[in-house]
N, C-alpha and C. Protein backbone atom coordinates (compact mmCIF):
# COMPACT_ATOMS: atom_id res chain seq x y z
N MET A 1 288.21 120.17 323.04
CA MET A 1 287.36 119.89 322.16
C MET A 1 288.17 120.39 320.89
N SER A 2 288.49 119.94 319.86
CA SER A 2 289.26 120.20 318.53
C SER A 2 288.37 121.11 317.87
N VAL A 3 288.85 121.98 317.14
CA VAL A 3 288.08 122.74 316.18
C VAL A 3 288.57 122.69 314.78
N PRO A 4 287.75 122.50 313.79
CA PRO A 4 288.40 122.54 312.44
C PRO A 4 289.19 123.46 312.10
N ALA A 5 290.36 123.03 311.26
CA ALA A 5 291.54 123.92 310.80
C ALA A 5 290.57 125.19 310.14
N GLY A 6 291.07 126.57 310.31
CA GLY A 6 290.76 127.56 309.65
C GLY A 6 289.32 128.28 310.24
N LYS A 7 288.78 127.31 311.36
CA LYS A 7 287.40 127.66 311.80
C LYS A 7 287.71 128.05 313.28
N GLU A 8 286.88 128.92 313.81
CA GLU A 8 286.79 129.33 315.25
C GLU A 8 285.72 128.48 316.33
N SER A 9 286.17 128.27 317.36
CA SER A 9 285.07 127.80 318.45
C SER A 9 283.81 128.55 318.40
N ARG A 10 282.85 128.13 318.65
CA ARG A 10 281.62 128.71 318.66
C ARG A 10 281.53 130.10 319.65
N GLY A 11 282.32 129.86 320.79
CA GLY A 11 281.94 131.23 321.61
C GLY A 11 282.62 132.33 320.98
N GLU A 12 284.15 131.87 320.41
CA GLU A 12 284.90 132.77 319.89
C GLU A 12 284.41 133.63 318.71
N GLY A 13 283.82 132.64 317.83
CA GLY A 13 283.26 133.15 316.61
C GLY A 13 281.93 133.91 316.90
N MET A 14 281.03 133.56 317.81
CA MET A 14 279.97 134.49 317.97
C MET A 14 280.38 135.95 318.37
N ALA A 15 281.39 135.78 319.27
CA ALA A 15 281.94 137.24 319.69
C ALA A 15 282.44 137.98 318.80
N ASP A 16 283.51 137.55 317.76
CA ASP A 16 284.06 138.15 316.60
C ASP A 16 282.85 138.76 315.73
N LYS A 17 281.87 137.71 315.28
CA LYS A 17 280.78 138.32 314.55
C LYS A 17 279.99 139.40 315.12
N ALA A 18 279.61 139.32 316.35
CA ALA A 18 278.95 140.35 316.99
C ALA A 18 279.58 141.67 316.83
N ALA A 19 280.96 141.76 317.20
CA ALA A 19 281.87 142.88 316.97
C ALA A 19 281.87 143.84 315.27
N LEU A 20 281.85 142.55 314.39
CA LEU A 20 281.85 142.89 313.03
C LEU A 20 280.49 143.59 312.74
N ARG A 21 279.66 143.09 313.15
CA ARG A 21 278.10 143.62 312.80
C ARG A 21 277.98 145.00 313.55
N ARG A 22 278.45 144.99 314.41
CA ARG A 22 278.56 146.51 315.08
C ARG A 22 279.16 147.52 314.29
N GLU A 23 280.49 146.99 313.71
CA GLU A 23 281.20 147.75 312.95
C GLU A 23 280.70 148.29 311.64
N ILE A 24 280.14 147.10 310.88
CA ILE A 24 279.47 147.31 309.50
C ILE A 24 278.11 148.14 309.71
N ARG A 25 277.37 147.90 310.80
CA ARG A 25 276.24 148.91 310.70
C ARG A 25 276.54 150.27 311.14
N ARG A 26 278.00 150.75 311.73
CA ARG A 26 278.28 152.19 311.56
C ARG A 26 278.98 152.49 310.50
N LEU A 27 279.56 151.74 309.81
CA LEU A 27 279.90 152.20 308.39
C LEU A 27 278.81 152.38 307.42
N LEU A 28 277.80 151.41 307.42
CA LEU A 28 276.40 151.75 306.71
C LEU A 28 275.95 153.01 307.08
N ALA A 29 275.75 153.30 308.17
CA ALA A 29 275.01 154.77 308.84
C ALA A 29 275.67 155.80 308.03
N ASP A 30 277.01 155.34 307.86
CA ASP A 30 277.59 156.98 307.30
C ASP A 30 277.86 156.85 305.97
N ALA A 31 277.61 155.70 305.07
CA ALA A 31 277.74 155.54 303.73
C ALA A 31 276.56 156.58 302.74
N PRO A 32 277.24 156.90 301.90
CA PRO A 32 276.34 157.96 300.94
C PRO A 32 275.31 157.32 300.46
N PRO A 33 274.03 157.70 300.13
CA PRO A 33 272.95 157.04 299.38
C PRO A 33 273.58 156.79 297.80
N LEU A 34 273.03 155.47 297.52
CA LEU A 34 273.12 155.09 296.22
C LEU A 34 272.26 156.03 295.27
N PRO A 35 273.00 155.96 293.85
CA PRO A 35 272.12 156.73 292.94
C PRO A 35 270.78 155.80 292.52
N PRO A 36 269.84 156.65 292.18
CA PRO A 36 268.58 155.92 291.65
C PRO A 36 268.72 154.71 290.70
N ASN A 37 269.64 154.53 290.07
CA ASN A 37 269.94 153.60 289.12
C ASN A 37 271.19 152.94 289.18
N PRO A 38 271.85 152.33 290.38
CA PRO A 38 273.15 152.01 290.45
C PRO A 38 273.78 151.32 289.52
N PRO A 39 275.16 151.23 289.07
CA PRO A 39 275.57 150.65 288.22
C PRO A 39 275.41 149.03 288.08
N PHE A 40 275.39 148.37 289.67
CA PHE A 40 275.31 147.31 289.67
C PHE A 40 274.13 146.39 289.02
N HIS A 41 273.32 147.33 288.98
CA HIS A 41 272.02 146.82 288.15
C HIS A 41 272.14 146.31 286.58
N ARG A 42 272.92 147.15 285.86
CA ARG A 42 273.26 147.02 284.60
C ARG A 42 274.30 145.90 284.49
N LEU A 43 275.31 145.82 285.44
CA LEU A 43 276.31 144.85 285.63
C LEU A 43 275.80 143.23 285.79
N LEU A 44 274.74 143.32 286.45
CA LEU A 44 274.17 142.10 286.32
C LEU A 44 273.25 141.70 285.34
N LEU A 45 272.28 142.61 284.91
CA LEU A 45 271.53 142.35 283.85
C LEU A 45 272.46 141.77 282.76
N ASP A 46 273.63 142.46 282.35
CA ASP A 46 274.49 141.97 281.11
C ASP A 46 275.41 141.02 281.26
N SER A 47 275.23 140.33 282.62
CA SER A 47 276.18 139.03 282.97
C SER A 47 275.50 137.81 282.33
N PRO A 48 276.47 137.21 281.97
CA PRO A 48 275.93 135.49 281.77
C PRO A 48 275.05 134.81 282.84
N LEU A 49 275.54 135.25 284.07
CA LEU A 49 274.77 134.74 285.37
C LEU A 49 273.24 135.04 285.27
N PHE A 50 272.83 136.23 284.89
CA PHE A 50 271.38 136.72 284.92
C PHE A 50 270.96 136.05 283.60
N GLN A 51 271.40 136.31 282.43
CA GLN A 51 270.84 136.06 281.14
C GLN A 51 270.72 134.62 281.08
N GLY A 52 271.66 133.93 281.56
CA GLY A 52 271.45 132.15 281.45
C GLY A 52 270.59 131.64 282.39
N CYS A 53 270.04 132.41 283.20
CA CYS A 53 269.24 131.64 284.51
C CYS A 53 267.94 131.71 284.01
N THR A 54 267.00 130.69 284.27
CA THR A 54 265.61 130.75 283.95
C THR A 54 264.71 130.99 285.49
N ALA A 55 265.44 130.99 286.66
CA ALA A 55 264.92 131.20 287.84
C ALA A 55 266.02 132.16 288.71
N LEU A 56 265.10 132.67 289.56
CA LEU A 56 265.94 133.99 290.38
C LEU A 56 265.43 133.93 291.74
N VAL A 57 266.33 133.70 292.76
CA VAL A 57 265.70 133.97 293.96
C VAL A 57 266.21 135.37 294.48
N GLY A 58 265.27 136.22 294.99
CA GLY A 58 265.41 137.49 295.24
C GLY A 58 265.24 137.72 296.43
N TYR A 59 265.02 138.88 296.85
CA TYR A 59 264.75 139.26 298.44
C TYR A 59 264.08 140.82 298.18
N LEU A 60 263.57 140.74 299.22
CA LEU A 60 262.92 142.46 299.41
C LEU A 60 263.54 142.81 300.46
N PRO A 61 264.67 144.22 300.05
CA PRO A 61 265.56 144.72 301.00
C PRO A 61 264.85 145.65 302.01
N ILE A 62 265.87 145.32 303.18
CA ILE A 62 265.34 145.89 304.43
C ILE A 62 266.55 146.80 304.86
N GLN A 63 266.36 147.61 305.40
CA GLN A 63 267.91 148.65 306.12
C GLN A 63 268.55 148.90 304.72
N ALA A 64 269.93 148.73 305.03
CA ALA A 64 270.87 149.09 303.99
C ALA A 64 271.15 148.11 302.98
N GLU A 65 270.34 147.22 302.94
CA GLU A 65 270.47 146.01 301.83
C GLU A 65 270.26 146.71 300.10
N LEU A 66 271.20 146.28 299.54
CA LEU A 66 271.13 146.77 297.86
C LEU A 66 269.77 146.77 297.47
N PRO A 67 269.50 147.76 296.59
CA PRO A 67 268.03 147.62 296.15
C PRO A 67 267.96 146.88 294.91
N VAL A 68 267.16 145.85 295.11
CA VAL A 68 266.97 144.76 293.91
C VAL A 68 265.76 144.64 293.24
N LEU A 69 264.74 145.51 293.41
CA LEU A 69 263.29 145.52 292.87
C LEU A 69 263.14 145.68 291.79
N PRO A 70 264.08 146.54 290.80
CA PRO A 70 264.27 146.57 289.30
C PRO A 70 264.51 145.09 288.74
N LEU A 71 265.61 144.30 289.15
CA LEU A 71 266.24 143.34 288.98
C LEU A 71 264.72 142.13 288.99
N LEU A 72 264.38 142.41 290.21
CA LEU A 72 263.23 141.28 290.03
C LEU A 72 261.98 141.34 289.18
N GLU A 73 261.79 142.71 288.68
CA GLU A 73 260.66 143.10 287.98
C GLU A 73 261.19 142.72 286.29
N GLU A 74 262.74 143.03 286.26
CA GLU A 74 263.13 142.56 284.84
C GLU A 74 263.02 141.20 284.80
N ALA A 75 263.15 140.28 285.81
CA ALA A 75 263.37 138.68 285.51
C ALA A 75 261.95 138.22 285.18
N LEU A 76 261.03 139.10 285.93
CA LEU A 76 259.35 138.48 285.62
C LEU A 76 259.43 138.92 284.12
N ARG A 77 259.51 139.92 283.56
CA ARG A 77 259.37 140.59 282.38
C ARG A 77 259.92 139.43 281.27
N GLN A 78 261.02 138.78 281.71
CA GLN A 78 262.01 137.97 280.68
C GLN A 78 261.48 136.88 280.82
N GLY A 79 260.34 136.36 281.89
CA GLY A 79 259.73 135.20 281.75
C GLY A 79 260.60 134.14 282.79
N LYS A 80 261.43 134.89 283.65
CA LYS A 80 262.02 133.89 284.51
C LYS A 80 261.12 133.52 285.69
N SER A 81 261.40 132.55 286.35
CA SER A 81 260.49 132.24 287.69
C SER A 81 261.23 133.01 288.89
N LEU A 82 260.54 133.65 289.50
CA LEU A 82 260.89 134.36 290.56
C LEU A 82 260.55 133.67 291.90
N PHE A 83 261.48 133.30 292.87
CA PHE A 83 261.29 132.97 294.24
C PHE A 83 261.70 133.88 295.22
N LEU A 84 260.94 134.12 296.36
CA LEU A 84 261.38 134.97 297.62
C LEU A 84 261.15 134.17 298.63
N PRO A 85 261.75 134.66 299.88
CA PRO A 85 261.65 134.01 300.89
C PRO A 85 260.30 134.24 301.65
N ARG A 86 259.68 133.15 302.41
CA ARG A 86 258.44 133.30 303.07
C ARG A 86 258.72 132.71 304.30
N PHE A 87 258.30 133.51 305.64
CA PHE A 87 258.42 132.87 306.87
C PHE A 87 256.94 131.81 307.00
N GLN A 88 257.40 130.60 307.32
CA GLN A 88 256.31 129.66 307.47
C GLN A 88 256.65 128.69 308.64
N ASP A 89 255.83 128.32 309.36
CA ASP A 89 256.06 127.22 310.25
C ASP A 89 257.36 127.35 310.99
N GLY A 90 257.63 128.63 311.51
CA GLY A 90 258.96 128.77 312.35
C GLY A 90 260.14 129.02 311.47
N GLN A 91 259.95 128.96 310.15
CA GLN A 91 261.41 128.64 309.56
C GLN A 91 261.09 129.49 308.02
N TYR A 92 262.13 129.79 307.51
CA TYR A 92 261.77 130.37 305.98
C TYR A 92 261.98 129.29 304.99
N THR A 93 260.90 129.55 304.12
CA THR A 93 261.01 128.78 302.79
C THR A 93 260.98 129.58 301.76
N LEU A 94 260.99 129.08 300.35
CA LEU A 94 260.81 129.98 299.22
C LEU A 94 259.54 129.84 298.61
N ALA A 95 259.02 130.54 298.13
CA ALA A 95 257.66 130.69 297.15
C ALA A 95 257.94 131.63 295.90
N GLN A 96 257.04 130.98 295.00
CA GLN A 96 257.00 131.77 293.83
C GLN A 96 255.83 132.95 293.90
N ALA A 97 256.50 133.91 293.18
CA ALA A 97 255.66 135.36 292.99
C ALA A 97 255.78 135.70 291.52
N ARG A 98 254.75 135.54 290.91
CA ARG A 98 254.35 135.89 289.39
C ARG A 98 254.02 137.26 289.28
N ASP A 99 253.55 138.16 290.50
CA ASP A 99 253.26 139.36 290.08
C ASP A 99 253.40 140.45 291.30
N LEU A 100 254.60 141.15 291.39
CA LEU A 100 254.85 141.65 292.75
C LEU A 100 253.75 142.53 293.17
N ASP A 101 252.75 143.12 292.46
CA ASP A 101 251.93 143.97 292.91
C ASP A 101 250.49 143.04 293.50
N ARG A 102 250.66 141.69 292.96
CA ARG A 102 249.36 140.98 293.60
C ARG A 102 249.67 140.07 294.58
N ASP A 103 250.97 139.46 294.42
CA ASP A 103 251.24 138.06 295.09
C ASP A 103 252.04 138.63 296.51
N LEU A 104 252.13 139.67 297.05
CA LEU A 104 253.18 139.85 298.00
C LEU A 104 252.11 140.50 299.24
N VAL A 105 252.48 140.01 300.33
CA VAL A 105 251.86 140.60 301.53
C VAL A 105 252.73 140.70 302.71
N ASP A 106 252.19 141.58 303.90
CA ASP A 106 253.35 141.73 304.89
C ASP A 106 253.43 140.40 305.63
N GLY A 107 254.75 140.07 305.83
CA GLY A 107 255.10 138.92 306.43
C GLY A 107 256.03 139.34 307.84
N LEU A 108 257.00 138.46 308.43
CA LEU A 108 257.53 138.55 309.45
C LEU A 108 258.23 140.11 309.52
N TYR A 109 258.40 140.74 310.73
CA TYR A 109 258.74 141.91 310.73
C TYR A 109 258.26 143.07 309.83
N GLY A 110 256.99 142.60 309.23
CA GLY A 110 256.57 143.59 308.02
C GLY A 110 257.38 143.65 306.74
N ILE A 111 258.18 142.61 306.47
CA ILE A 111 258.85 142.57 305.30
C ILE A 111 257.89 141.60 304.27
N PRO A 112 257.77 142.30 303.03
CA PRO A 112 256.62 141.69 302.15
C PRO A 112 257.35 140.12 301.66
N GLU A 113 256.18 139.42 301.51
CA GLU A 113 256.64 138.10 301.08
C GLU A 113 255.44 137.49 300.25
N PRO A 114 255.84 136.22 299.46
CA PRO A 114 254.66 135.78 298.92
C PRO A 114 253.65 135.13 299.63
N ALA A 115 252.31 135.41 299.45
CA ALA A 115 250.97 135.25 300.19
C ALA A 115 251.09 133.41 300.00
N PRO A 116 250.35 133.14 301.21
CA PRO A 116 250.12 131.47 301.22
C PRO A 116 249.73 130.89 300.09
N ALA A 117 249.14 131.37 299.31
CA ALA A 117 249.04 130.50 298.01
C ALA A 117 249.96 130.35 297.07
N CYS A 118 250.83 131.23 297.31
CA CYS A 118 251.96 131.08 296.00
C CYS A 118 252.82 129.73 296.34
N PRO A 119 252.87 128.78 295.29
CA PRO A 119 253.64 127.71 295.56
C PRO A 119 255.14 127.70 295.85
N GLU A 120 255.51 126.66 296.64
CA GLU A 120 257.17 126.53 296.72
C GLU A 120 257.75 125.70 295.56
N PRO A 121 258.86 125.92 295.21
CA PRO A 121 259.56 125.32 294.17
C PRO A 121 259.70 123.74 294.41
N ASN A 122 259.54 123.03 293.70
CA ASN A 122 259.69 121.42 293.81
C ASN A 122 260.38 120.69 292.76
N PRO A 123 261.54 121.05 292.65
CA PRO A 123 262.60 121.39 293.31
C PRO A 123 262.84 122.95 292.68
N LEU A 124 264.20 123.73 292.90
CA LEU A 124 264.39 124.98 292.06
C LEU A 124 265.23 124.31 290.87
N PRO A 125 265.10 124.98 289.65
CA PRO A 125 265.92 124.60 288.51
C PRO A 125 267.43 124.79 288.81
N GLU A 126 268.15 123.81 288.02
CA GLU A 126 269.39 123.68 288.32
C GLU A 126 270.25 124.95 287.74
N ASN A 127 269.46 125.64 286.92
CA ASN A 127 270.08 127.00 286.59
C ASN A 127 269.63 128.32 287.23
N THR A 128 269.33 127.98 288.43
CA THR A 128 268.65 129.16 289.56
C THR A 128 270.11 130.26 289.80
N LEU A 129 269.71 131.59 289.72
CA LEU A 129 270.62 132.34 290.18
C LEU A 129 270.10 132.91 291.58
N TRP A 130 270.76 133.00 292.55
CA TRP A 130 270.00 133.36 293.97
C TRP A 130 270.90 134.84 294.11
N LEU A 131 270.19 135.61 294.72
CA LEU A 131 270.53 137.18 295.08
C LEU A 131 270.68 136.89 296.53
N ILE A 132 271.85 137.23 297.02
CA ILE A 132 271.75 137.02 298.55
C ILE A 132 272.39 138.15 299.24
N PRO A 133 271.66 138.78 300.16
CA PRO A 133 272.31 140.08 301.12
C PRO A 133 272.90 139.79 301.90
N GLY A 134 273.90 140.46 302.73
CA GLY A 134 274.62 140.04 303.68
C GLY A 134 275.21 141.33 304.52
N LEU A 135 275.62 141.18 305.65
CA LEU A 135 276.22 142.34 306.35
C LEU A 135 277.68 142.57 305.85
N ALA A 136 278.20 141.59 305.36
CA ALA A 136 279.67 141.59 305.22
C ALA A 136 279.80 140.18 304.01
N PHE A 137 281.11 140.27 303.28
CA PHE A 137 281.47 139.45 302.56
C PHE A 137 283.08 139.54 302.45
N ASP A 138 283.81 138.35 302.45
CA ASP A 138 285.14 138.67 302.19
C ASP A 138 285.41 137.96 300.84
N ARG A 139 286.68 138.49 300.45
CA ARG A 139 286.95 137.86 298.87
C ARG A 139 287.06 136.51 298.63
N GLN A 140 286.93 135.54 299.37
CA GLN A 140 287.04 134.14 299.43
C GLN A 140 285.45 133.74 299.40
N GLY A 141 284.66 134.78 299.47
CA GLY A 141 282.98 134.30 299.13
C GLY A 141 282.34 133.96 300.64
N ASN A 142 283.06 134.30 301.86
CA ASN A 142 282.36 134.03 303.04
C ASN A 142 281.46 134.96 303.45
N ARG A 143 280.34 134.88 304.24
CA ARG A 143 279.28 135.55 304.17
C ARG A 143 279.01 135.94 305.59
N LEU A 144 278.82 137.33 306.04
CA LEU A 144 278.38 137.59 307.74
C LEU A 144 276.83 137.98 307.54
N GLY A 145 275.85 137.02 308.09
CA GLY A 145 274.55 137.66 308.07
C GLY A 145 274.01 138.12 309.23
N ARG A 146 272.89 138.10 309.47
CA ARG A 146 272.28 139.01 310.72
C ARG A 146 272.51 138.20 311.97
N GLY A 147 272.71 136.90 311.85
CA GLY A 147 273.05 135.98 313.08
C GLY A 147 271.74 135.29 313.29
N LYS A 148 270.95 135.06 312.35
CA LYS A 148 269.77 133.82 312.34
C LYS A 148 269.89 133.07 311.55
N GLY A 149 270.80 132.73 310.50
CA GLY A 149 271.02 131.68 309.81
C GLY A 149 270.15 131.03 308.63
N TYR A 150 269.21 132.00 308.38
CA TYR A 150 268.10 131.74 307.63
C TYR A 150 268.45 131.54 306.49
N TYR A 151 269.39 132.06 305.57
CA TYR A 151 269.83 131.54 304.28
C TYR A 151 270.76 130.32 304.21
N ASP A 152 271.42 130.03 305.28
CA ASP A 152 272.14 128.78 305.30
C ASP A 152 271.12 127.59 305.21
N ARG A 153 270.25 127.77 306.05
CA ARG A 153 269.26 126.78 306.12
C ARG A 153 268.19 126.65 304.84
N LEU A 154 268.09 128.00 304.12
CA LEU A 154 267.41 127.60 302.85
C LEU A 154 268.44 127.10 301.79
N ARG A 155 269.25 127.58 301.82
CA ARG A 155 270.35 126.93 300.82
C ARG A 155 270.48 125.33 301.35
N GLN A 156 270.41 125.01 302.50
CA GLN A 156 270.51 123.51 302.87
C GLN A 156 269.40 122.89 302.02
N ARG A 157 268.26 123.28 302.19
CA ARG A 157 266.85 122.79 301.88
C ARG A 157 266.64 122.88 300.12
N PHE A 158 267.15 123.90 299.50
CA PHE A 158 267.34 124.30 297.97
C PHE A 158 268.61 124.42 297.72
N PRO A 159 269.49 123.51 297.39
CA PRO A 159 270.83 123.60 297.13
C PRO A 159 271.09 123.84 295.78
N GLN A 160 269.90 123.72 294.88
CA GLN A 160 270.58 124.15 293.25
C GLN A 160 270.77 125.47 293.18
N GLY A 161 271.58 125.77 292.09
CA GLY A 161 271.71 127.11 291.75
C GLY A 161 272.93 127.69 292.06
N THR A 162 273.20 128.94 291.56
CA THR A 162 274.70 129.74 291.83
C THR A 162 274.30 130.72 292.48
N THR A 163 275.01 131.22 293.52
CA THR A 163 274.86 131.97 294.72
C THR A 163 275.56 133.42 294.39
N LEU A 164 274.88 134.76 294.52
CA LEU A 164 275.60 135.74 294.22
C LEU A 164 275.24 136.72 295.51
N GLY A 165 276.32 137.08 296.20
CA GLY A 165 276.33 137.94 297.16
C GLY A 165 276.25 139.34 296.79
N LEU A 166 275.07 140.23 297.32
CA LEU A 166 275.11 141.63 297.06
C LEU A 166 275.67 142.41 298.17
N CYS A 167 276.44 143.51 298.10
CA CYS A 167 276.87 144.28 299.22
C CYS A 167 277.36 145.42 298.70
N ARG A 168 277.50 146.54 299.54
CA ARG A 168 278.22 147.88 299.16
C ARG A 168 279.61 147.63 299.59
N GLU A 169 280.65 148.79 298.93
CA GLU A 169 282.21 148.46 298.95
C GLU A 169 282.37 148.19 300.70
N CYS A 170 281.88 149.07 301.46
CA CYS A 170 282.29 149.16 302.69
C CYS A 170 281.95 147.87 303.45
N GLN A 171 281.30 147.15 302.90
CA GLN A 171 280.76 145.70 303.45
C GLN A 171 281.81 144.49 302.87
N LEU A 172 282.59 144.92 301.87
CA LEU A 172 283.47 143.75 301.27
C LEU A 172 284.79 144.06 302.04
N ARG A 173 285.20 142.83 302.81
CA ARG A 173 286.45 142.72 303.80
C ARG A 173 287.57 142.13 303.32
N LYS A 174 288.66 142.82 303.22
CA LYS A 174 289.93 142.34 302.97
C LYS A 174 290.40 141.12 303.59
N ALA A 175 290.18 141.27 305.00
CA ALA A 175 290.67 140.05 305.73
C ALA A 175 289.39 138.88 305.84
N PRO A 176 289.66 137.64 306.12
CA PRO A 176 288.82 136.67 305.70
C PRO A 176 287.79 136.71 307.27
N LEU A 177 286.51 136.65 306.97
CA LEU A 177 285.54 136.80 308.04
C LEU A 177 285.71 135.42 308.91
N PRO A 178 285.29 135.62 310.14
CA PRO A 178 285.20 134.42 310.94
C PRO A 178 284.14 133.62 310.56
N THR A 179 284.30 132.40 310.43
CA THR A 179 283.45 131.39 309.79
C THR A 179 283.24 130.33 310.73
N ALA A 180 282.18 129.24 310.74
CA ALA A 180 281.69 127.97 311.35
C ALA A 180 281.71 127.19 310.46
N PRO A 181 281.52 125.85 310.73
CA PRO A 181 281.43 124.73 309.86
C PRO A 181 279.90 124.90 308.92
N TRP A 182 279.18 125.49 309.64
CA TRP A 182 277.68 125.58 309.10
C TRP A 182 277.61 126.83 308.07
N ASP A 183 278.52 127.64 307.90
CA ASP A 183 278.41 128.85 307.22
C ASP A 183 278.55 128.20 305.72
N ARG A 184 277.86 128.90 304.60
CA ARG A 184 277.85 128.44 303.40
C ARG A 184 278.47 129.54 302.64
N PRO A 185 279.62 129.68 301.77
CA PRO A 185 280.35 130.82 301.05
C PRO A 185 279.27 130.73 299.80
N VAL A 186 279.19 131.94 299.19
CA VAL A 186 278.80 132.58 298.02
C VAL A 186 279.57 132.06 296.60
N ASN A 187 278.89 131.95 295.53
CA ASN A 187 280.00 131.57 294.53
C ASN A 187 280.65 132.76 293.93
N ALA A 188 279.95 134.02 294.01
CA ALA A 188 280.41 135.64 293.52
C ALA A 188 279.80 136.34 294.36
N ILE A 189 280.23 137.59 294.23
CA ILE A 189 279.77 138.97 295.12
C ILE A 189 279.82 140.22 293.89
N LEU A 190 278.62 140.86 294.13
CA LEU A 190 278.40 141.88 293.37
C LEU A 190 278.42 143.16 294.29
N THR A 191 279.35 144.21 294.23
CA THR A 191 278.96 145.45 294.85
C THR A 191 278.27 146.49 293.83
N PRO A 192 278.22 147.58 294.12
CA PRO A 192 277.60 148.81 293.38
C PRO A 192 278.26 149.00 292.10
N THR A 193 279.54 148.61 292.38
CA THR A 193 280.49 149.08 290.99
C THR A 193 281.63 147.77 290.63
N GLN A 194 281.47 146.86 291.29
CA GLN A 194 282.35 145.57 290.69
C GLN A 194 282.11 144.32 291.13
N TRP A 195 282.51 143.27 290.31
CA TRP A 195 282.32 141.94 290.63
C TRP A 195 283.71 141.55 291.66
N VAL A 196 283.01 140.45 292.23
CA VAL A 196 284.45 139.88 293.06
C VAL A 196 283.91 138.04 292.77
N LEU A 197 285.11 137.61 292.28
CA LEU A 197 284.61 136.13 291.96
C LEU A 197 286.02 135.37 292.58
N PRO A 198 285.79 134.48 293.65
CA PRO A 198 286.78 134.02 294.25
C PRO A 198 287.50 132.96 293.37
N HIS A 199 286.75 132.22 292.56
CA HIS A 199 287.34 130.99 291.97
C HIS A 199 286.94 131.20 290.45
N GLU A 200 286.62 132.23 289.88
CA GLU A 200 286.13 132.01 288.39
C GLU A 200 286.67 133.49 287.87
N GLN A 201 286.58 133.51 286.45
CA GLN A 201 286.93 134.91 285.85
C GLN A 201 285.72 135.62 285.91
N SER A 202 285.89 136.97 285.37
CA SER A 202 284.78 137.74 285.49
C SER A 202 283.66 137.62 284.45
N PRO A 203 282.11 137.72 284.95
CA PRO A 203 281.00 137.21 284.08
C PRO A 203 280.75 138.44 283.03
N SER A 204 281.64 139.44 283.08
CA SER A 204 281.39 140.42 282.17
C SER A 204 281.67 140.24 280.78
């Protein structure tokens, strides 16, 4: 069976990704803690990507994912629509949160998510900015997730907007990540200290 150019077979790709996930988790375990107000908060808030969006797709961090709660709160203060993942009917969807104190409940694995009464977008605005965590990214925008494919399916269902990957420097890989036809690269990447834009000029 032929494999598309630049892509690996499913068996080889799964093995490569599993090894990379183990390596990244080891690096994260040894990484120093971030300061209370990491520089990437200001880098993002001052960027046209954030200032120009009317809606933000965020996440509630787990494990070593970059902290974004102040960014979510600032989006709400500025009157932007905020959407967060919600596990529903065996898969993730997006739902709007208008108040982070009142609208969130414990979801799958205890991760806070919008309550059942919070509405889904129909559809997302075109000028939505997605904040997407990952275990690793490369400088072409390819992303290595946790292996469940949740974000790939979310973006297939809600294709509107610009995608921004968030990771620490140790998660930014020089060599291209193994990819598969269903993997979806991000438009830009932000680490605690720098922008990486595969196809554009710096947004700062």
